Amino acid sequence: MKEYKETLHSLVYKSNSDLSLYSAGYERCSPGYEYGPKFRAYQLIHFVLSGSGELHIDEHVFSLASGDVFIIPAGKIAYYKASTDDPWSYAWIGFLGISSKTYVYQLMSSLDNIYIINDIDTIKYKDCIFNILSLKNNTTCDYLRANSILLNIMSMLFDDINFDESSWGKNSIADDVKFYLDTNYAEKLKITDVAKFFNIHPNYLTRIFHSKFQLSPKQYLTDLKLSKSRKLLVTTESSIAVIANSLGFEDQLAFSKAFKKHFSLSPSEYRKKIRLLAVDNHEFTE
């Protein structure tokens, strides 16, 4: 593995910058190489250069190969694995800053699969990233040079996805809020924070969202979290506390209370019931 990390400036400094490099790297993976599940506080983009592998994020599984790009937004838990037959190699770039979420949001909202860009020339991105990896020192000169390369990479991405500047922002605010909730539901979101992100009053946000989707953004967010929790209860061995935390609930008690109110069963009762049904159905089909 090759990696360059910018260490001249603190995370606080980078977080308060418009856009700032965190790290860049390259990995040629061994067969079946796994990474994660991992949470990051910065934006991360991988460029698949050869081979194939899988990305697991938000209960989605994406099969990826050379020429594909996958985006892992800050705050998301992701896991990825190289193919055992044709393990991938990839280059990556990580960044943060005040505008980083907006840029990633613009990229994702322009894609068919919000985390994936397919069939682009990833080698040109490798060349850019290797220019960062060639930097020898964490100096102000290197910081500026690395950030200029980061800006160039972002501009190429926007060009490659044919980002339509004229249509950006033409969706209704309610649609944008829904997309924001769909991609950030695992955070401990408050509607006041969402309203602040969109620079609108919380009451106005609630009114326009309810008008479009016939329920409040708070209820939509709760329903979304509970829907995700059901799959996690059945398909993983994670504790109730871990599931509650991974979905942004205040604590295990708040999660259990909301779950029981919605499904008339506690999370542990639901997990037990579904697994018993699965066993019974398996025995019946045998």
Protein backbone atom coordinates (compact mmCIF):
# COMPACT_ATOMS: atom_id res chain seq x y z
CA MET A 1 0.00 0.00 0.00
CA LYS A 2 1.10 3.55 -0.75
CA GLU A 3 -0.40 6.46 1.18
CA TYR A 4 0.09 10.17 1.68
CA LYS A 5 -1.51 11.90 4.67
CA GLU A 6 -1.57 15.65 5.08
CA THR A 7 -0.35 16.32 8.62
CA LEU A 8 0.82 19.92 8.48
CA HIS A 9 -2.66 21.20 9.36
CA SER A 10 -5.06 20.00 12.04
CA LEU A 11 -8.39 18.35 11.33
CA VAL A 12 -10.10 21.43 12.74
CA TYR A 13 -8.26 23.61 10.25
CA LYS A 14 -9.13 21.32 7.36
CA SER A 15 -12.75 20.99 8.47
CA ASN A 16 -13.11 24.78 8.43
CA SER A 17 -11.45 25.15 5.04
CA ASP A 18 -13.54 25.17 1.88
CA LEU A 19 -12.03 21.89 0.64
CA SER A 20 -8.93 20.22 2.01
CA LEU A 21 -7.04 17.00 1.36
CA TYR A 22 -7.00 14.41 4.13
CA SER A 23 -5.20 11.53 2.43
CA ALA A 24 -4.55 9.80 -0.86
CA GLY A 25 -3.38 6.28 -1.59
CA TYR A 26 -3.07 3.20 -3.74
CA GLU A 27 -3.65 -0.47 -2.93
CA ARG A 28 -3.13 -3.63 -4.96
CA CYS A 29 -5.22 -6.09 -2.99
CA SER A 30 -4.56 -9.75 -2.35
CA PRO A 31 -7.38 -12.23 -3.13
CA GLY A 32 -10.31 -11.74 -0.76
CA TYR A 33 -8.73 -8.72 0.97
CA GLU A 34 -11.32 -7.03 3.22
CA TYR A 35 -11.51 -3.54 4.68
CA GLY A 36 -14.04 -2.46 7.30
CA PRO A 37 -16.74 -2.12 8.35
CA LYS A 38 -15.35 1.34 9.07
CA PHE A 39 -16.73 4.77 9.91
CA ARG A 40 -14.95 7.87 8.65
CA ALA A 41 -15.42 11.54 9.42
CA TYR A 42 -14.19 12.59 5.97
CA GLN A 43 -15.35 12.08 2.37
CA LEU A 44 -13.69 9.21 0.49
CA ILE A 45 -13.65 8.29 -3.20
CA HIS A 46 -12.10 5.11 -4.64
CA PHE A 47 -11.14 4.58 -8.28
CA VAL A 48 -11.04 0.91 -9.34
CA LEU A 49 -8.06 0.46 -11.66
CA SER A 50 -8.11 -3.30 -12.29
CA GLY A 51 -9.79 -6.48 -11.08
CA SER A 52 -13.08 -6.57 -9.21
CA GLY A 53 -14.63 -6.50 -5.75
CA GLU A 54 -17.69 -5.59 -3.71
CA LEU A 55 -18.82 -2.54 -1.76
CA HIS A 56 -21.29 -2.93 1.13
CA ILE A 57 -22.95 0.31 2.22
CA ASP A 58 -26.44 1.17 3.50
CA GLU A 59 -27.46 -2.49 3.16
CA HIS A 60 -26.64 -2.31 -0.56
CA VAL A 61 -24.06 -4.59 -2.17
CA PHE A 62 -22.41 -3.28 -5.34
CA SER A 63 -20.25 -5.45 -7.61
CA LEU A 64 -17.52 -3.27 -9.07
CA ALA A 65 -14.74 -3.66 -11.61
CA SER A 66 -12.09 -1.71 -13.46
CA GLY A 67 -13.44 1.66 -14.59
CA ASP A 68 -15.82 2.04 -11.66
CA VAL A 69 -15.72 4.59 -8.85
CA PHE A 70 -17.31 4.31 -5.42
CA ILE A 71 -18.10 7.16 -3.06
CA ILE A 72 -18.20 6.74 0.71
CA PRO A 73 -19.63 9.89 2.29
CA ALA A 74 -18.46 11.07 5.69
CA GLY A 75 -20.40 9.39 8.48
CA LYS A 76 -21.23 6.24 6.53
CA ILE A 77 -20.19 2.77 7.63
CA ALA A 78 -18.79 0.87 4.67
CA TYR A 79 -17.12 -2.46 4.02
CA TYR A 80 -15.41 -3.57 0.83
CA LYS A 81 -13.80 -6.77 -0.32
CA ALA A 82 -11.58 -7.79 -3.22
CA SER A 83 -12.60 -10.68 -5.45
CA THR A 84 -10.92 -13.99 -4.63
CA ASP A 85 -10.41 -14.74 -8.34
CA ASP A 86 -9.58 -11.30 -9.71
CA PRO A 87 -8.68 -9.00 -6.81
CA TRP A 88 -8.89 -5.33 -7.50
CA SER A 89 -6.41 -2.54 -7.27
CA TYR A 90 -7.63 0.98 -6.53
CA ALA A 91 -6.50 4.49 -5.81
CA TRP A 92 -8.33 6.72 -3.36
CA ILE A 93 -8.58 10.26 -2.18
CA GLY A 94 -10.03 11.48 1.12
CA PHE A 95 -11.00 15.07 1.83
CA LEU A 96 -13.06 17.29 4.11
CA GLY A 97 -14.06 20.91 4.47
CA ILE A 98 -17.09 23.15 4.61
CA SER A 99 -18.00 22.54 0.96
CA SER A 100 -17.04 18.85 0.85
CA LYS A 101 -20.51 17.58 1.75
CA THR A 102 -22.12 19.80 -0.89
CA TYR A 103 -19.77 18.59 -3.62
CA VAL A 104 -20.32 14.95 -2.68
CA TYR A 105 -24.08 15.57 -2.46
CA GLN A 106 -24.05 17.07 -5.96
CA LEU A 107 -22.13 14.09 -7.33
CA MET A 108 -24.35 11.49 -5.67
CA SER A 109 -27.63 13.15 -6.61
CA SER A 110 -26.57 13.05 -10.27
CA LEU A 111 -26.00 9.27 -10.32
CA ASP A 112 -28.32 6.33 -10.98
CA ASN A 113 -26.74 4.49 -8.05
CA ILE A 114 -25.95 7.25 -5.60
CA TYR A 115 -22.64 5.73 -4.46
CA ILE A 116 -21.36 4.46 -7.81
CA ILE A 117 -19.96 5.95 -11.03
CA ASN A 118 -19.57 3.36 -13.78
CA ASP A 119 -17.35 3.10 -16.84
CA ILE A 120 -14.97 6.04 -16.71
CA ASP A 121 -11.24 6.37 -17.32
CA THR A 122 -9.95 5.72 -13.80
CA ILE A 123 -6.32 5.63 -14.94
CA LYS A 124 -6.23 9.42 -15.35
CA TYR A 125 -7.29 9.68 -11.70
CA LYS A 126 -4.54 7.25 -10.73
CA ASP A 127 -2.02 9.53 -12.40
CA CYS A 128 -3.30 12.49 -10.38
CA ILE A 129 -3.23 10.55 -7.11
CA PHE A 130 0.28 9.27 -7.82
CA ASN A 131 1.35 12.90 -8.21
CA ILE A 132 0.17 13.40 -4.62
CA LEU A 133 1.95 10.22 -3.51
CA SER A 134 5.18 11.57 -4.98
CA LEU A 135 5.19 14.48 -2.53
CA LYS A 136 8.00 14.00 -0.05
CA ASN A 137 7.29 16.46 2.73
CA ASN A 138 4.35 17.92 4.60
CA THR A 139 5.18 21.52 3.80
CA THR A 140 2.96 24.45 2.89
CA CYS A 141 4.14 24.02 -0.70
CA ASP A 142 3.08 20.34 -0.69
CA TYR A 143 -0.22 21.20 0.98
CA LEU A 144 -1.07 23.70 -1.74
CA ARG A 145 0.10 21.36 -4.51
CA ALA A 146 -1.89 18.42 -3.11
CA ASN A 147 -5.00 20.56 -2.80
CA SER A 148 -4.65 21.81 -6.35
CA ILE A 149 -4.62 18.16 -7.48
CA LEU A 150 -7.67 17.44 -5.31
CA LEU A 151 -9.53 20.32 -6.98
CA ASN A 152 -8.52 18.98 -10.39
CA ILE A 153 -9.80 15.50 -9.49
CA MET A 154 -13.13 16.93 -8.38
CA SER A 155 -13.45 18.99 -11.55
CA MET A 156 -12.75 15.89 -13.67
CA LEU A 157 -15.40 13.91 -11.79
CA PHE A 158 -18.03 16.59 -12.35
CA ASP A 159 -17.05 16.62 -16.02
CA ASP A 160 -17.16 12.81 -16.34
CA ILE A 161 -20.68 12.55 -14.91
CA ASN A 162 -21.85 15.42 -17.14
CA PHE A 163 -23.03 17.38 -14.15
CA ASP A 164 -25.88 19.63 -15.26
CA GLU A 165 -25.30 22.93 -13.54
CA SER A 166 -28.49 24.43 -14.96
CA SER A 167 -30.71 21.78 -13.40
CA TRP A 168 -28.98 21.75 -10.02
CA GLY A 169 -31.38 23.01 -7.39
CA LYS A 170 -34.41 22.66 -9.69
CA ASN A 171 -35.76 19.77 -7.61
CA SER A 172 -38.17 20.83 -4.93
CA ILE A 173 -36.69 21.45 -1.49
CA ALA A 174 -38.84 18.57 -0.23
CA ASP A 175 -37.12 16.18 -2.69
CA ASP A 176 -33.72 17.47 -1.63
CA VAL A 177 -34.58 17.00 2.03
CA LYS A 178 -35.75 13.44 1.36
CA PHE A 179 -32.49 12.66 -0.46
CA TYR A 180 -30.55 14.19 2.44
CA LEU A 181 -32.43 12.01 4.94
CA ASP A 182 -31.97 8.92 2.75
CA THR A 183 -28.20 9.38 2.75
CA ASN A 184 -27.67 10.66 6.30
CA TYR A 185 -30.24 8.70 8.33
CA ALA A 186 -27.51 6.99 10.38
CA GLU A 187 -26.43 10.30 11.90
CA LYS A 188 -28.10 11.67 15.01
CA LEU A 189 -30.07 14.14 12.94
CA LYS A 190 -32.41 16.75 14.31
CA ILE A 191 -34.90 18.45 12.03
CA THR A 192 -33.49 21.80 13.16
CA ASP A 193 -30.08 20.70 11.87
CA VAL A 194 -31.56 19.64 8.53
CA ALA A 195 -33.38 22.96 8.23
CA LYS A 196 -30.14 24.78 8.98
CA PHE A 197 -28.34 22.79 6.25
CA PHE A 198 -30.95 23.96 3.72
CA ASN A 199 -31.07 27.46 5.22
CA ILE A 200 -34.83 27.34 5.85
CA HIS A 201 -37.03 27.52 8.96
CA PRO A 202 -37.86 24.12 10.57
CA ASN A 203 -41.60 24.84 10.41
CA TYR A 204 -41.38 25.62 6.70
CA LEU A 205 -39.35 22.44 6.12
CA THR A 206 -41.97 20.35 7.91
CA ARG A 207 -44.83 21.98 6.02
CA ILE A 208 -43.41 21.49 2.51
CA PHE A 209 -42.22 17.95 3.28
CA HIS A 210 -45.62 16.92 4.62
CA SER A 211 -47.33 18.49 1.62
CA LYS A 212 -45.18 16.42 -0.76
CA PHE A 213 -44.95 13.08 1.10
CA GLN A 214 -47.96 13.15 3.46
CA LEU A 215 -45.87 12.71 6.59
CA SER A 216 -43.48 14.83 8.58
CA PRO A 217 -39.71 14.64 7.97
CA LYS A 218 -39.29 13.45 11.56
CA GLN A 219 -41.71 10.55 11.01
CA TYR A 220 -40.11 9.73 7.65
CA LEU A 221 -36.69 9.60 9.30
CA THR A 222 -37.96 7.38 12.12
CA ASP A 223 -39.70 5.03 9.68
CA LEU A 224 -36.53 4.84 7.58
CA LYS A 225 -34.37 3.99 10.59
CA LEU A 226 -36.83 1.33 11.76
CA SER A 227 -36.99 -0.21 8.31
CA LYS A 228 -33.20 -0.48 8.23
CA SER A 229 -33.17 -1.89 11.76
CA ARG A 230 -35.42 -4.82 10.84
CA LYS A 231 -32.92 -6.08 8.28
CA LEU A 232 -30.01 -5.63 10.66
CA LEU A 233 -31.83 -7.58 13.37
CA VAL A 234 -32.40 -10.52 11.04
CA THR A 235 -29.20 -10.57 8.99
CA THR A 236 -26.58 -9.72 11.63
CA GLU A 237 -25.59 -10.82 15.13
CA SER A 238 -25.07 -7.22 16.23
CA SER A 239 -26.39 -6.35 19.67
CA ILE A 240 -29.46 -4.15 20.07
CA ALA A 241 -27.21 -1.38 21.42
CA VAL A 242 -24.89 -1.55 18.40
CA ILE A 243 -27.82 -1.46 15.97
CA ALA A 244 -29.36 1.49 17.79
CA ASN A 245 -26.08 3.40 17.67
CA SER A 246 -25.41 2.55 14.00
CA LEU A 247 -28.79 4.01 13.04
CA GLY A 248 -28.36 7.24 14.96
CA PHE A 249 -30.85 6.62 17.76
CA GLU A 250 -30.23 8.52 20.97
CA ASP A 251 -29.68 5.26 22.84
CA GLN A 252 -30.83 1.63 23.03
CA LEU A 253 -33.89 2.54 25.09
CA ALA A 254 -35.09 5.14 22.57
CA PHE A 255 -34.63 2.61 19.74
CA SER A 256 -36.47 -0.18 21.58
CA LYS A 257 -39.33 2.14 22.50
CA ALA A 258 -39.75 3.39 18.91
CA PHE A 259 -39.46 -0.15 17.49
CA LYS A 260 -42.07 -1.62 19.85
CA LYS A 261 -44.46 1.26 19.20
CA HIS A 262 -44.18 0.66 15.46
CA PHE A 263 -44.12 -3.15 15.30
CA SER A 264 -45.76 -4.14 18.62
CA LEU A 265 -42.67 -6.22 19.45
CA SER A 266 -39.38 -5.38 21.06
CA PRO A 267 -36.30 -5.66 18.82
CA SER A 268 -35.18 -8.87 20.54
CA GLU A 269 -38.69 -10.37 20.28
CA TYR A 270 -38.83 -9.46 16.59
CA ARG A 271 -35.41 -11.04 15.92
CA LYS A 272 -36.44 -14.24 17.70
CA LYS A 273 -39.81 -14.44 15.93
CA ILE A 274 -38.41 -13.95 12.41
CA ARG A 275 -35.64 -16.47 12.95
CA LEU A 276 -38.09 -19.06 14.28
CA LEU A 277 -40.28 -18.50 11.23
CA ALA A 278 -37.25 -18.95 8.99
CA VAL A 279 -36.40 -22.25 10.70
CA ASP A 280 -40.00 -23.47 10.39
CA ASN A 281 -40.16 -22.57 6.72
CA HIS A 282 -36.85 -24.29 6.06
CA GLU A 283 -38.04 -27.47 7.75
CA PHE A 284 -41.30 -27.34 5.82
CA THR A 285 -39.53 -27.04 2.45
CA GLU A 286 -37.25 -29.94 3.32
